[in-house]
Amino acid sequence: MVEPEVARSSQSIVPKSKEVLVVSKAPRCDVYSVVSSNDTTGTAKLENPSFKDGVEAEHKQKADEACAKSNKVYIAKQNEKWVYREADQNKTWTVTSQS
């Protein structure tokens, strides 16, 4: 009778399907705030991912699309509002720890 108990306890392995669910988490997205920029280069600060939630509603979808495409997004302050600007996404950036 001891053998069936051993067999039962050895069957309590986590199924592979549950392992896959853990691995398939949403990809990370680095969110940067633009400190300064010109036509080709700029300085940006790495922000907390929730920083993206402060983007104006009309720019939020494009910011989400940039995250999905390249796992990063640059957000600029324009007229006192945080906005997504397509032109910023392909510039050469220097990352700073200061704002």
Protein backbone atom coordinates (compact mmCIF):
# COMPACT_ATOMS: atom_id res chain seq x y z
CA MET A 1 0.00 0.00 0.00
CA VAL A 2 2.91 2.38 0.40
CA GLU A 3 3.69 2.30 -3.32
CA PRO A 4 0.34 3.80 -4.51
CA GLU A 5 0.81 6.77 -2.15
CA VAL A 6 4.26 7.43 -3.59
CA ALA A 7 2.84 7.24 -7.10
CA ARG A 8 0.08 9.74 -6.24
CA SER A 9 2.48 12.25 -4.68
CA SER A 10 4.80 12.06 -7.68
CA GLN A 11 1.90 13.06 -9.92
CA SER A 12 1.48 16.47 -8.26
CA ILE A 13 3.73 18.19 -10.79
CA VAL A 14 2.76 21.59 -12.19
CA PRO A 15 1.34 21.03 -15.67
CA LYS A 16 3.31 22.54 -18.53
CA SER A 17 0.26 24.54 -19.60
CA LYS A 18 0.47 26.55 -16.37
CA GLU A 19 4.18 27.19 -16.93
CA VAL A 20 3.41 28.64 -20.37
CA LEU A 21 0.87 31.05 -18.88
CA VAL A 22 3.53 32.48 -16.58
CA VAL A 23 5.99 32.89 -19.45
CA SER A 24 3.47 34.58 -21.73
CA LYS A 25 3.20 37.77 -19.67
CA ALA A 26 2.83 41.04 -21.57
CA PRO A 27 6.18 42.33 -22.82
CA ARG A 28 7.85 45.06 -20.86
CA CYS A 29 7.58 48.59 -22.19
CA ASP A 30 10.14 51.22 -21.25
CA VAL A 31 8.50 54.64 -20.96
CA TYR A 32 10.66 57.74 -21.38
CA SER A 33 9.80 61.38 -20.82
CA VAL A 34 11.48 63.80 -23.21
CA VAL A 35 13.73 66.24 -21.35
CA SER A 36 14.98 68.04 -24.48
CA SER A 37 15.24 67.27 -28.19
CA ASN A 38 15.90 68.60 -31.65
CA ASP A 39 15.11 67.12 -35.07
CA THR A 40 17.41 64.09 -34.74
CA THR A 41 18.55 63.63 -31.13
CA GLY A 42 17.37 64.17 -27.61
CA THR A 43 17.68 63.50 -23.91
CA ALA A 44 15.04 61.46 -22.14
CA LYS A 45 14.41 60.11 -18.65
CA LEU A 46 13.29 56.54 -17.95
CA GLU A 47 9.98 56.64 -16.10
CA ASN A 48 7.80 54.16 -14.26
CA PRO A 49 5.56 52.23 -16.74
CA SER A 50 2.48 53.84 -15.17
CA PHE A 51 3.76 57.22 -16.39
CA LYS A 52 2.21 56.33 -19.75
CA ASP A 53 -1.22 56.51 -18.11
CA GLY A 54 -0.82 60.29 -17.91
CA VAL A 55 -0.76 60.70 -21.69
CA GLU A 56 -3.63 62.66 -23.18
CA ALA A 57 -6.49 60.37 -24.25
CA GLU A 58 -6.12 61.11 -27.96
CA HIS A 59 -2.45 60.01 -27.83
CA LYS A 60 -2.84 56.95 -25.60
CA GLN A 61 -3.58 54.42 -28.36
CA LYS A 62 -0.50 55.46 -30.36
CA ALA A 63 1.66 55.23 -27.23
CA ASP A 64 0.31 51.72 -26.59
CA GLU A 65 1.02 50.76 -30.22
CA ALA A 66 4.61 52.02 -29.92
CA CYS A 67 5.05 49.89 -26.80
CA ALA A 68 3.71 46.82 -28.58
CA LYS A 69 5.93 47.43 -31.61
CA SER A 70 9.27 48.32 -30.01
CA ASN A 71 8.86 47.80 -26.24
CA LYS A 72 9.55 51.49 -25.61
CA VAL A 73 7.85 54.84 -26.05
CA TYR A 74 8.98 58.46 -25.78
CA ILE A 75 6.43 60.91 -24.39
CA ALA A 76 6.84 64.69 -24.58
CA LYS A 77 5.25 67.57 -22.69
CA GLN A 78 3.61 69.94 -25.13
CA ASN A 79 1.37 72.84 -24.04
CA GLU A 80 1.44 71.48 -20.46
CA LYS A 81 0.12 68.06 -21.60
CA TRP A 82 1.94 64.75 -22.04
CA VAL A 83 1.63 63.64 -25.66
CA TYR A 84 2.89 60.96 -28.04
CA ARG A 85 4.79 62.34 -31.04
CA GLU A 86 5.63 59.97 -33.89
CA ALA A 87 8.76 61.97 -34.79
CA ASP A 88 10.27 61.32 -31.34
CA GLN A 89 10.17 57.55 -31.64
CA ASN A 90 13.07 57.24 -34.14
CA LYS A 91 15.46 59.85 -32.76
CA THR A 92 18.82 59.02 -31.21
CA TRP A 93 18.30 59.32 -27.45
CA THR A 94 20.58 59.81 -24.48
CA VAL A 95 19.01 58.60 -21.25
CA THR A 96 19.50 60.67 -18.11
CA SER A 97 18.50 60.15 -14.51
CA GLN A 98 17.60 63.83 -14.13
CA SER A 99 14.46 65.54 -15.34
